[in-house]
Amino acid sequence: MNAALIFSGTGPIVILTSHSGLDDAALLDRLARKGIRKFIAFPVPLEVAKERYGVHFDIVCGDLHETDDLRVLDFDGRRAMELLSFNVLGDPVYHDASAKCSAASP
């Protein structure tokens, strides 16, 4: 399982996913179907997400299945930014479906 802080046009969200990475084609398709076609995503260590979100993490994680591979842990961008400092985030992943590309760096 992976966690990530995603910055898109509607603001930051934190997700949990069973996909192998933030550039996984199936995850990108799933996000696109939810209207997220352009974003910058930062991996969040799972231990950090669990520590910061506590019981809420357990509830969301408990509802994550192999066939249901994406859950939003936090819709509140302000809270996500308060709970997750930049120094705990991994390297950014950039994705722009309109440009037909995604990359690990700009």
PDB file of N, CA and C in Angstrom:
ATOM      1  N   MET A   1       0.845  -1.174   0.000  1.00  0.00           N
ATOM      2  CA  MET A   1       0.000   0.000   0.000  1.00  0.00           C
ATOM      3  C   MET A   1       0.891   1.238   0.000  1.00  0.00           C
ATOM      4  N   ASN A   2       0.407   2.279  -0.653  1.00  0.00           N
ATOM      5  CA  ASN A   2       1.110   3.554  -0.736  1.00  0.00           C
ATOM      6  C   ASN A   2       0.193   4.685  -0.301  1.00  0.00           C
ATOM      7  N   ALA A   3       0.816   5.733   0.222  1.00  0.00           N
ATOM      8  CA  ALA A   3       0.102   6.957   0.568  1.00  0.00           C
ATOM      9  C   ALA A   3       0.754   8.098  -0.210  1.00  0.00           C
ATOM     10  N   ALA A   4      -0.034   9.120  -0.522  1.00  0.00           N
ATOM     11  CA  ALA A   4       0.508  10.255  -1.261  1.00  0.00           C
ATOM     12  C   ALA A   4      -0.292  11.514  -0.978  1.00  0.00           C
ATOM     13  N   LEU A   5       0.423  12.631  -1.020  1.00  0.00           N
ATOM     14  CA  LEU A   5      -0.189  13.956  -0.968  1.00  0.00           C
ATOM     15  C   LEU A   5      -0.228  14.445  -2.404  1.00  0.00           C
ATOM     16  N   ILE A   6      -1.428  14.707  -2.907  1.00  0.00           N
ATOM     17  CA  ILE A   6      -1.602  15.103  -4.301  1.00  0.00           C
ATOM     18  C   ILE A   6      -2.092  16.546  -4.373  1.00  0.00           C
ATOM     19  N   PHE A   7      -1.367  17.355  -5.133  1.00  0.00           N
ATOM     20  CA  PHE A   7      -1.777  18.734  -5.402  1.00  0.00           C
ATOM     21  C   PHE A   7      -2.370  18.761  -6.807  1.00  0.00           C
ATOM     22  N   SER A   8      -3.667  19.078  -6.878  1.00  0.00           N
ATOM     23  CA  SER A   8      -4.332  19.188  -8.179  1.00  0.00           C
ATOM     24  C   SER A   8      -5.053  20.530  -8.234  1.00  0.00           C
ATOM     25  N   GLY A   9      -5.819  20.744  -9.278  1.00  0.00           N
ATOM     26  CA  GLY A   9      -6.513  22.007  -9.459  1.00  0.00           C
ATOM     27  C   GLY A   9      -7.499  22.353  -8.360  1.00  0.00           C
ATOM     28  N   THR A  10      -7.997  21.348  -7.664  1.00  0.00           N
ATOM     29  CA  THR A  10      -8.973  21.612  -6.608  1.00  0.00           C
ATOM     30  C   THR A  10      -8.335  21.676  -5.230  1.00  0.00           C
ATOM     31  N   GLY A  11      -7.025  21.522  -5.154  1.00  0.00           N
ATOM     32  CA  GLY A  11      -6.316  21.602  -3.884  1.00  0.00           C
ATOM     33  C   GLY A  11      -5.730  20.273  -3.470  1.00  0.00           C
ATOM     34  N   PRO A  12      -5.020  20.270  -2.351  1.00  0.00           N
ATOM     35  CA  PRO A  12      -4.361  19.051  -1.895  1.00  0.00           C
ATOM     36  C   PRO A  12      -5.334  18.023  -1.322  1.00  0.00           C
ATOM     37  N   ILE A  13      -5.038  16.744  -1.595  1.00  0.00           N
ATOM     38  CA  ILE A  13      -5.732  15.622  -0.968  1.00  0.00           C
ATOM     39  C   ILE A  13      -4.667  14.591  -0.589  1.00  0.00           C
ATOM     40  N   VAL A  14      -5.003  13.732   0.339  1.00  0.00           N
ATOM     41  CA  VAL A  14      -4.123  12.625   0.708  1.00  0.00           C
ATOM     42  C   VAL A  14      -4.855  11.342   0.338  1.00  0.00           C
ATOM     43  N   ILE A  15      -4.149  10.463  -0.388  1.00  0.00           N
ATOM     44  CA  ILE A  15      -4.765   9.210  -0.822  1.00  0.00           C
ATOM     45  C   ILE A  15      -4.009   8.009  -0.273  1.00  0.00           C
ATOM     46  N   LEU A  16      -4.710   6.889  -0.220  1.00  0.00           N
ATOM     47  CA  LEU A  16      -4.124   5.572   0.012  1.00  0.00           C
ATOM     48  C   LEU A  16      -4.443   4.751  -1.215  1.00  0.00           C
ATOM     49  N   THR A  17      -3.477   3.985  -1.693  1.00  0.00           N
ATOM     50  CA  THR A  17      -3.705   3.170  -2.874  1.00  0.00           C
ATOM     51  C   THR A  17      -2.951   1.858  -2.784  1.00  0.00           C
ATOM     52  N   SER A  18      -3.517   0.840  -3.397  1.00  0.00           N
ATOM     53  CA  SER A  18      -2.843  -0.443  -3.464  1.00  0.00           C
ATOM     54  C   SER A  18      -1.995  -0.552  -4.723  1.00  0.00           C
ATOM     55  N   HIS A  19      -1.992   0.465  -5.565  1.00  0.00           N
ATOM     56  CA  HIS A  19      -1.161   0.449  -6.772  1.00  0.00           C
ATOM     57  C   HIS A  19       0.313   0.522  -6.403  1.00  0.00           C
ATOM     58  N   SER A  20       1.145   0.030  -7.296  1.00  0.00           N
ATOM     59  CA  SER A  20       2.572  -0.090  -7.010  1.00  0.00           C
ATOM     60  C   SER A  20       3.307   1.246  -6.940  1.00  0.00           C
ATOM     61  N   GLY A  21       2.795   2.253  -7.604  1.00  0.00           N
ATOM     62  CA  GLY A  21       3.458   3.550  -7.588  1.00  0.00           C
ATOM     63  C   GLY A  21       2.548   4.651  -8.087  1.00  0.00           C
ATOM     64  N   LEU A  22       3.000   5.882  -7.929  1.00  0.00           N
ATOM     65  CA  LEU A  22       2.181   7.038  -8.319  1.00  0.00           C
ATOM     66  C   LEU A  22       2.155   7.262  -9.817  1.00  0.00           C
ATOM     67  N   ASP A  23       2.971   6.529 -10.561  1.00  0.00           N
ATOM     68  CA  ASP A  23       2.950   6.630 -12.017  1.00  0.00           C
ATOM     69  C   ASP A  23       2.337   5.387 -12.662  1.00  0.00           C
ATOM     70  N   ASP A  24       1.710   4.536 -11.858  1.00  0.00           N
ATOM     71  CA  ASP A  24       1.047   3.327 -12.343  1.00  0.00           C
ATOM     72  C   ASP A  24      -0.110   3.723 -13.268  1.00  0.00           C
ATOM     73  N   ALA A  25      -0.147   3.134 -14.459  1.00  0.00           N
ATOM     74  CA  ALA A  25      -1.150   3.500 -15.466  1.00  0.00           C
ATOM     75  C   ALA A  25      -2.580   3.318 -14.955  1.00  0.00           C
ATOM     76  N   ALA A  26      -2.834   2.251 -14.211  1.00  0.00           N
ATOM     77  CA  ALA A  26      -4.186   2.019 -13.694  1.00  0.00           C
ATOM     78  C   ALA A  26      -4.568   3.084 -12.668  1.00  0.00           C
ATOM     79  N   LEU A  27      -3.618   3.505 -11.840  1.00  0.00           N
ATOM     80  CA  LEU A  27      -3.898   4.575 -10.874  1.00  0.00           C
ATOM     81  C   LEU A  27      -4.162   5.883 -11.599  1.00  0.00           C
ATOM     82  N   LEU A  28      -3.351   6.193 -12.604  1.00  0.00           N
ATOM     83  CA  LEU A  28      -3.550   7.426 -13.375  1.00  0.00           C
ATOM     84  C   LEU A  28      -4.920   7.433 -14.039  1.00  0.00           C
ATOM     85  N   ASP A  29      -5.348   6.277 -14.541  1.00  0.00           N
ATOM     86  CA  ASP A  29      -6.679   6.169 -15.142  1.00  0.00           C
ATOM     87  C   ASP A  29      -7.759   6.376 -14.088  1.00  0.00           C
ATOM     88  N   ARG A  30      -7.579   5.787 -12.933  1.00  0.00           N
ATOM     89  CA  ARG A  30      -8.562   5.930 -11.844  1.00  0.00           C
ATOM     90  C   ARG A  30      -8.680   7.392 -11.406  1.00  0.00           C
ATOM     91  N   LEU A  31      -7.534   8.064 -11.256  1.00  0.00           N
ATOM     92  CA  LEU A  31      -7.554   9.481 -10.891  1.00  0.00           C
ATOM     93  C   LEU A  31      -8.221  10.314 -11.993  1.00  0.00           C
ATOM     94  N   ALA A  32      -7.918  10.010 -13.239  1.00  0.00           N
ATOM     95  CA  ALA A  32      -8.517  10.743 -14.361  1.00  0.00           C
ATOM     96  C   ALA A  32     -10.037  10.607 -14.357  1.00  0.00           C
ATOM     97  N   ARG A  33     -10.531   9.413 -14.041  1.00  0.00           N
ATOM     98  CA  ARG A  33     -11.982   9.207 -13.970  1.00  0.00           C
ATOM     99  C   ARG A  33     -12.606  10.003 -12.843  1.00  0.00           C
ATOM    100  N   LYS A  34     -11.802  10.406 -11.867  1.00  0.00           N
ATOM    101  CA  LYS A  34     -12.292  11.257 -10.775  1.00  0.00           C
ATOM    102  C   LYS A  34     -12.029  12.731 -11.065  1.00  0.00           C
ATOM    103  N   GLY A  35     -11.551  13.045 -12.289  1.00  0.00           N
ATOM    104  CA  GLY A  35     -11.335  14.429 -12.685  1.00  0.00           C
ATOM    105  C   GLY A  35      -9.944  14.959 -12.365  1.00  0.00           C
ATOM    106  N   ILE A  36      -9.053  14.103 -11.882  1.00  0.00           N
ATOM    107  CA  ILE A  36      -7.689  14.532 -11.552  1.00  0.00           C
ATOM    108  C   ILE A  36      -6.770  14.082 -12.673  1.00  0.00           C
ATOM    109  N   ARG A  37      -6.533  14.990 -13.629  1.00  0.00           N
ATOM    110  CA  ARG A  37      -5.742  14.662 -14.818  1.00  0.00           C
ATOM    111  C   ARG A  37      -4.373  15.341 -14.834  1.00  0.00           C
ATOM    112  N   LYS A  38      -4.209  16.302 -13.952  1.00  0.00           N
ATOM    113  CA  LYS A  38      -2.947  17.033 -13.876  1.00  0.00           C
ATOM    114  C   LYS A  38      -2.647  17.255 -12.399  1.00  0.00           C
ATOM    115  N   PHE A  39      -1.462  16.819 -11.971  1.00  0.00           N
ATOM    116  CA  PHE A  39      -1.147  16.937 -10.552  1.00  0.00           C
ATOM    117  C   PHE A  39       0.346  16.807 -10.299  1.00  0.00           C
ATOM    118  N   ILE A  40       0.712  17.194  -9.101  1.00  0.00           N
ATOM    119  CA  ILE A  40       2.024  16.904  -8.537  1.00  0.00           C
ATOM    120  C   ILE A  40       1.740  16.080  -7.295  1.00  0.00           C
ATOM    121  N   ALA A  41       2.343  14.900  -7.211  1.00  0.00           N
ATOM    122  CA  ALA A  41       2.104  14.000  -6.078  1.00  0.00           C
ATOM    123  C   ALA A  41       3.408  13.744  -5.335  1.00  0.00           C
ATOM    124  N   PHE A  42       3.304  13.708  -4.031  1.00  0.00           N
ATOM    125  CA  PHE A  42       4.448  13.415  -3.180  1.00  0.00           C
ATOM    126  C   PHE A  42       4.149  12.156  -2.374  1.00  0.00           C
ATOM    127  N   PRO A  43       4.983  11.128  -2.486  1.00  0.00           N
ATOM    128  CA  PRO A  43       4.779   9.952  -1.640  1.00  0.00           C
ATOM    129  C   PRO A  43       4.879  10.336  -0.165  1.00  0.00           C
ATOM    130  N   VAL A  44       4.044   9.717   0.633  1.00  0.00           N
ATOM    131  CA  VAL A  44       4.052   9.903   2.086  1.00  0.00           C
ATOM    132  C   VAL A  44       4.379   8.543   2.692  1.00  0.00           C
ATOM    133  N   PRO A  45       5.414   8.461   3.527  1.00  0.00           N
ATOM    134  CA  PRO A  45       5.685   7.172   4.170  1.00  0.00           C
ATOM    135  C   PRO A  45       4.440   6.679   4.912  1.00  0.00           C
ATOM    136  N   LEU A  46       4.125   5.420   4.726  1.00  0.00           N
ATOM    137  CA  LEU A  46       2.923   4.855   5.315  1.00  0.00           C
ATOM    138  C   LEU A  46       2.907   5.015   6.836  1.00  0.00           C
ATOM    139  N   GLU A  47       4.066   4.858   7.464  1.00  0.00           N
ATOM    140  CA  GLU A  47       4.138   5.003   8.914  1.00  0.00           C
ATOM    141  C   GLU A  47       3.757   6.423   9.346  1.00  0.00           C
ATOM    142  N   VAL A  48       4.169   7.407   8.550  1.00  0.00           N
ATOM    143  CA  VAL A  48       3.858   8.810   8.860  1.00  0.00           C
ATOM    144  C   VAL A  48       2.356   9.047   8.711  1.00  0.00           C
ATOM    145  N   ALA A  49       1.772   8.556   7.620  1.00  0.00           N
ATOM    146  CA  ALA A  49       0.331   8.726   7.417  1.00  0.00           C
ATOM    147  C   ALA A  49      -0.448   8.079   8.559  1.00  0.00           C
ATOM    148  N   LYS A  50      -0.025   6.890   8.947  1.00  0.00           N
ATOM    149  CA  LYS A  50      -0.716   6.188  10.030  1.00  0.00           C
ATOM    150  C   LYS A  50      -0.591   6.956  11.348  1.00  0.00           C
ATOM    151  N   GLU A  51       0.593   7.460  11.625  1.00  0.00           N
ATOM    152  CA  GLU A  51       0.824   8.216  12.860  1.00  0.00           C
ATOM    153  C   GLU A  51      -0.004   9.501  12.895  1.00  0.00           C
ATOM    154  N   ARG A  52      -0.011  10.242  11.790  1.00  0.00           N
ATOM    155  CA  ARG A  52      -0.679  11.545  11.766  1.00  0.00           C
ATOM    156  C   ARG A  52      -2.194  11.432  11.726  1.00  0.00           C
ATOM    157  N   TYR A  53      -2.720  10.380  11.054  1.00  0.00           N
ATOM    158  CA  TYR A  53      -4.172  10.258  10.893  1.00  0.00           C
ATOM    159  C   TYR A  53      -4.813   9.288  11.883  1.00  0.00           C
ATOM    160  N   GLY A  54      -4.012   8.504  12.589  1.00  0.00           N
ATOM    161  CA  GLY A  54      -4.504   7.646  13.666  1.00  0.00           C
ATOM    162  C   GLY A  54      -5.639   6.714  13.280  1.00  0.00           C
ATOM    163  N   VAL A  55      -6.712   6.757  14.055  1.00  0.00           N
ATOM    164  CA  VAL A  55      -7.859   5.869  13.867  1.00  0.00           C
ATOM    165  C   VAL A  55      -8.490   6.075  12.486  1.00  0.00           C
ATOM    166  N   HIS A  56      -8.522   7.301  12.014  1.00  0.00           N
ATOM    167  CA  HIS A  56      -9.087   7.567  10.681  1.00  0.00           C
ATOM    168  C   HIS A  56      -8.318   6.784   9.616  1.00  0.00           C
ATOM    169  N   PHE A  57      -6.998   6.711   9.743  1.00  0.00           N
ATOM    170  CA  PHE A  57      -6.184   5.923   8.810  1.00  0.00           C
ATOM    171  C   PHE A  57      -6.629   4.462   8.850  1.00  0.00           C
ATOM    172  N   ASP A  58      -6.783   3.915  10.038  1.00  0.00           N
ATOM    173  CA  ASP A  58      -7.184   2.511  10.181  1.00  0.00           C
ATOM    174  C   ASP A  58      -8.541   2.247   9.541  1.00  0.00           C
ATOM    175  N   ILE A  59      -9.465   3.159   9.713  1.00  0.00           N
ATOM    176  CA  ILE A  59     -10.802   3.002   9.135  1.00  0.00           C
ATOM    177  C   ILE A  59     -10.734   3.005   7.609  1.00  0.00           C
ATOM    178  N   VAL A  60     -10.027   3.993   7.054  1.00  0.00           N
ATOM    179  CA  VAL A  60      -9.912   4.100   5.593  1.00  0.00           C
ATOM    180  C   VAL A  60      -9.133   2.915   5.038  1.00  0.00           C
ATOM    181  N   CYS A  61      -8.047   2.558   5.694  1.00  0.00           N
ATOM    182  CA  CYS A  61      -7.208   1.445   5.256  1.00  0.00           C
ATOM    183  C   CYS A  61      -7.970   0.123   5.332  1.00  0.00           C
ATOM    184  N   GLY A  62      -8.764  -0.048   6.337  1.00  0.00           N
ATOM    185  CA  GLY A  62      -9.540  -1.268   6.494  1.00  0.00           C
ATOM    186  C   GLY A  62     -10.559  -1.455   5.395  1.00  0.00           C
ATOM    187  N   ASP A  63     -10.919  -0.386   4.730  1.00  0.00           N
ATOM    188  CA  ASP A  63     -11.903  -0.428   3.658  1.00  0.00           C
ATOM    189  C   ASP A  63     -11.241  -0.513   2.284  1.00  0.00           C
ATOM    190  N   LEU A  64      -9.921  -0.615   2.238  1.00  0.00           N
ATOM    191  CA  LEU A  64      -9.178  -0.671   0.975  1.00  0.00           C
ATOM    192  C   LEU A  64      -8.977  -2.126   0.578  1.00  0.00           C
ATOM    193  N   HIS A  65      -9.477  -2.498  -0.596  1.00  0.00           N
ATOM    194  CA  HIS A  65      -9.374  -3.870  -1.080  1.00  0.00           C
ATOM    195  C   HIS A  65      -8.624  -3.879  -2.397  1.00  0.00           C
ATOM    196  N   GLU A  66      -8.156  -5.056  -2.807  1.00  0.00           N
ATOM    197  CA  GLU A  66      -7.436  -5.161  -4.076  1.00  0.00           C
ATOM    198  C   GLU A  66      -8.283  -4.681  -5.249  1.00  0.00           C
ATOM    199  N   THR A  67      -9.583  -4.925  -5.200  1.00  0.00           N
ATOM    200  CA  THR A  67     -10.453  -4.513  -6.298  1.00  0.00           C
ATOM    201  C   THR A  67     -10.928  -3.076  -6.134  1.00  0.00           C
ATOM    202  N   ASP A  68     -10.645  -2.486  -4.999  1.00  0.00           N
ATOM    203  CA  ASP A  68     -11.057  -1.116  -4.706  1.00  0.00           C
ATOM    204  C   ASP A  68      -9.790  -0.385  -4.293  1.00  0.00           C
ATOM    205  N   ASP A  69      -8.974  -0.033  -5.261  1.00  0.00           N
ATOM    206  CA  ASP A  69      -7.577   0.293  -5.064  1.00  0.00           C
ATOM    207  C   ASP A  69      -7.242   1.740  -4.744  1.00  0.00           C
ATOM    208  N   LEU A  70      -8.228   2.565  -4.437  1.00  0.00           N
ATOM    209  CA  LEU A  70      -7.962   3.972  -4.157  1.00  0.00           C
ATOM    210  C   LEU A  70      -8.937   4.481  -3.114  1.00  0.00           C
ATOM    211  N   ARG A  71      -8.403   5.093  -2.085  1.00  0.00           N
ATOM    212  CA  ARG A  71      -9.222   5.720  -1.051  1.00  0.00           C
ATOM    213  C   ARG A  71      -8.641   7.086  -0.748  1.00  0.00           C
ATOM    214  N   VAL A  72      -9.508   8.059  -0.522  1.00  0.00           N
ATOM    215  CA  VAL A  72      -9.053   9.384  -0.108  1.00  0.00           C
ATOM    216  C   VAL A  72      -9.004   9.390   1.410  1.00  0.00           C
ATOM    217  N   LEU A  73      -7.828   9.654   1.934  1.00  0.00           N
ATOM    218  CA  LEU A  73      -7.623   9.717   3.379  1.00  0.00           C
ATOM    219  C   LEU A  73      -8.007  11.091   3.913  1.00  0.00           C
ATOM    220  N   ASP A  74      -7.777  12.132   3.097  1.00  0.00           N
ATOM    221  CA  ASP A  74      -8.060  13.494   3.555  1.00  0.00           C
ATOM    222  C   ASP A  74      -8.450  14.382   2.378  1.00  0.00           C
ATOM    223  N   PHE A  75      -9.670  14.914   2.420  1.00  0.00           N
ATOM    224  CA  PHE A  75     -10.151  15.874   1.424  1.00  0.00           C
ATOM    225  C   PHE A  75      -9.818  17.303   1.817  1.00  0.00           C
ATOM    226  N   ASP A  76      -9.491  17.518   3.070  1.00  0.00           N
ATOM    227  CA  ASP A  76      -9.266  18.865   3.600  1.00  0.00           C
ATOM    228  C   ASP A  76      -7.799  19.252   3.413  1.00  0.00           C
ATOM    229  N   GLY A  77      -7.525  20.026   2.381  1.00  0.00           N
ATOM    230  CA  GLY A  77      -6.159  20.419   2.060  1.00  0.00           C
ATOM    231  C   GLY A  77      -5.462  21.162   3.180  1.00  0.00           C
ATOM    232  N   ARG A  78      -6.192  21.985   3.887  1.00  0.00           N
ATOM    233  CA  ARG A  78      -5.596  22.742   4.993  1.00  0.00           C
ATOM    234  C   ARG A  78      -5.113  21.790   6.087  1.00  0.00           C
ATOM    235  N   ARG A  79      -5.936  20.819   6.432  1.00  0.00           N
ATOM    236  CA  ARG A  79      -5.549  19.847   7.451  1.00  0.00           C
ATOM    237  C   ARG A  79      -4.368  18.994   6.965  1.00  0.00           C
ATOM    238  N   ALA A  80      -4.415  18.582   5.709  1.00  0.00           N
ATOM    239  CA  ALA A  80      -3.317  17.783   5.147  1.00  0.00           C
ATOM    240  C   ALA A  80      -2.001  18.541   5.224  1.00  0.00           C
ATOM    241  N   MET A  81      -2.040  19.832   4.908  1.00  0.00           N
ATOM    242  CA  MET A  81      -0.819  20.640   4.950  1.00  0.00           C
ATOM    243  C   MET A  81      -0.338  20.833   6.385  1.00  0.00           C
ATOM    244  N   GLU A  82      -1.236  20.870   7.339  1.00  0.00           N
ATOM    245  CA  GLU A  82      -0.841  20.992   8.745  1.00  0.00           C
ATOM    246  C   GLU A  82      -0.238  19.688   9.272  1.00  0.00           C
ATOM    247  N   LEU A  83      -0.767  18.552   8.835  1.00  0.00           N
ATOM    248  CA  LEU A  83      -0.325  17.264   9.359  1.00  0.00           C
ATOM    249  C   LEU A  83       0.949  16.737   8.694  1.00  0.00           C
ATOM    250  N   LEU A  84       1.192  17.125   7.446  1.00  0.00           N
ATOM    251  CA  LEU A  84       2.313  16.567   6.694  1.00  0.00           C
ATOM    252  C   LEU A  84       3.320  17.653   6.333  1.00  0.00           C
ATOM    253  N   SER A  85       4.442  17.652   7.014  1.00  0.00           N
ATOM    254  CA  SER A  85       5.480  18.644   6.701  1.00  0.00           C
ATOM    255  C   SER A  85       6.248  18.202   5.460  1.00  0.00           C
ATOM    256  N   PHE A  86       6.812  19.148   4.755  1.00  0.00           N
ATOM    257  CA  PHE A  86       7.520  18.852   3.515  1.00  0.00           C
ATOM    258  C   PHE A  86       8.706  17.914   3.734  1.00  0.00           C
ATOM    259  N   ASN A  87       9.322  17.958   4.900  1.00  0.00           N
ATOM    260  CA  ASN A  87      10.505  17.132   5.115  1.00  0.00           C
ATOM    261  C   ASN A  87      10.196  15.635   5.250  1.00  0.00           C
ATOM    262  N   VAL A  88       8.923  15.244   5.358  1.00  0.00           N
ATOM    263  CA  VAL A  88       8.585  13.815   5.416  1.00  0.00           C
ATOM    264  C   VAL A  88       8.155  13.279   4.045  1.00  0.00           C
ATOM    265  N   LEU A  89       7.968  14.163   3.071  1.00  0.00           N
ATOM    266  CA  LEU A  89       7.475  13.755   1.765  1.00  0.00           C
ATOM    267  C   LEU A  89       8.602  13.238   0.879  1.00  0.00           C
ATOM    268  N   GLY A  90       8.264  12.296   0.005  1.00  0.00           N
ATOM    269  CA  GLY A  90       9.223  11.775  -0.964  1.00  0.00           C
ATOM    270  C   GLY A  90       9.355  12.703  -2.157  1.00  0.00           C
ATOM    271  N   ASP A  91      10.102  12.255  -3.146  1.00  0.00           N
ATOM    272  CA  ASP A  91      10.325  13.029  -4.362  1.00  0.00           C
ATOM    273  C   ASP A  91       9.029  13.177  -5.157  1.00  0.00           C
ATOM    274  N   PRO A  92       8.815  14.343  -5.749  1.00  0.00           N
ATOM    275  CA  PRO A  92       7.559  14.588  -6.467  1.00  0.00           C
ATOM    276  C   PRO A  92       7.442  13.783  -7.756  1.00  0.00           C
ATOM    277  N   VAL A  93       6.191  13.480  -8.085  1.00  0.00           N
ATOM    278  CA  VAL A  93       5.842  12.859  -9.359  1.00  0.00           C
ATOM    279  C   VAL A  93       4.918  13.838 -10.055  1.00  0.00           C
ATOM    280  N   TYR A  94       5.265  14.235 -11.276  1.00  0.00           N
ATOM    281  CA  TYR A  94       4.468  15.182 -12.048  1.00  0.00           C
ATOM    282  C   TYR A  94       3.683  14.413 -13.092  1.00  0.00           C
ATOM    283  N   HIS A  95       2.408  14.776 -13.248  1.00  0.00           N
ATOM    284  CA  HIS A  95       1.589  14.119 -14.275  1.00  0.00           C
ATOM    285  C   HIS A  95       0.675  15.151 -14.923  1.00  0.00           C
ATOM    286  N   ASP A  96       0.634  15.109 -16.242  1.00  0.00           N
ATOM    287  CA  ASP A  96      -0.249  15.995 -17.012  1.00  0.00           C
ATOM    288  C   ASP A  96      -0.811  15.191 -18.179  1.00  0.00           C
ATOM    289  N   ALA A  97      -2.021  14.688 -18.014  1.00  0.00           N
ATOM    290  CA  ALA A  97      -2.648  13.870 -19.043  1.00  0.00           C
ATOM    291  C   ALA A  97      -2.826  14.625 -20.339  1.00  0.00           C
ATOM    292  N   SER A  98      -3.025  15.933 -20.275  1.00  0.00           N
ATOM    293  CA  SER A  98      -3.212  16.714 -21.507  1.00  0.00           C
ATOM    294  C   SER A  98      -1.916  16.796 -22.311  1.00  0.00           C
ATOM    295  N   ALA A  99      -0.775  16.634 -21.631  1.00  0.00           N
ATOM    296  CA  ALA A  99       0.510  16.661 -22.317  1.00  0.00           C
ATOM    297  C   ALA A  99       0.937  15.250 -22.716  1.00  0.00           C
ATOM    298  N   LYS A 100       0.100  14.241 -22.385  1.00  0.00           N
ATOM    299  CA  LYS A 100       0.370  12.856 -22.702  1.00  0.00           C
ATOM    300  C   LYS A 100       1.701  12.370 -22.137  1.00  0.00           C
ATOM    301  N   CYS A 101       2.033  12.873 -20.950  1.00  0.00           N
ATOM    302  CA  CYS A 101       3.275  12.418 -20.338  1.00  0.00           C
ATOM    303  C   CYS A 101       3.175  12.525 -18.829  1.00  0.00           C
ATOM    304  N   SER A 102       4.030  11.793 -18.173  1.00  0.00           N
ATOM    305  CA  SER A 102       4.245  11.974 -16.745  1.00  0.00           C
ATOM    306  C   SER A 102       5.713  11.719 -16.502  1.00  0.00           C
ATOM    307  N   ALA A 103       6.247  12.323 -15.482  1.00  0.00           N
ATOM    308  CA  ALA A 103       7.667  12.214 -15.244  1.00  0.00           C
ATOM    309  C   ALA A 103       7.973  12.280 -13.768  1.00  0.00           C
ATOM    310  N   ALA A 104       9.134  11.803 -13.420  1.00  0.00           N
ATOM    311  CA  ALA A 104       9.582  11.880 -12.041  1.00  0.00           C
ATOM    312  C   ALA A 104      10.096  13.272 -11.709  1.00  0.00           C
ATOM    313  N   SER A 105      10.467  14.029 -12.704  1.00  0.00           N
ATOM    314  CA  SER A 105      10.937  15.395 -12.485  1.00  0.00           C
ATOM    315  C   SER A 105      10.587  16.249 -13.696  1.00  0.00           C
ATOM    316  N   PRO A 106      10.535  17.572 -13.508  1.00  0.00           N
ATOM    317  CA  PRO A 106      10.123  18.434 -14.631  1.00  0.00           C
ATOM    318  C   PRO A 106      11.136  18.480 -15.740  1.00  0.00           C
TER     319      PRO A 106
END
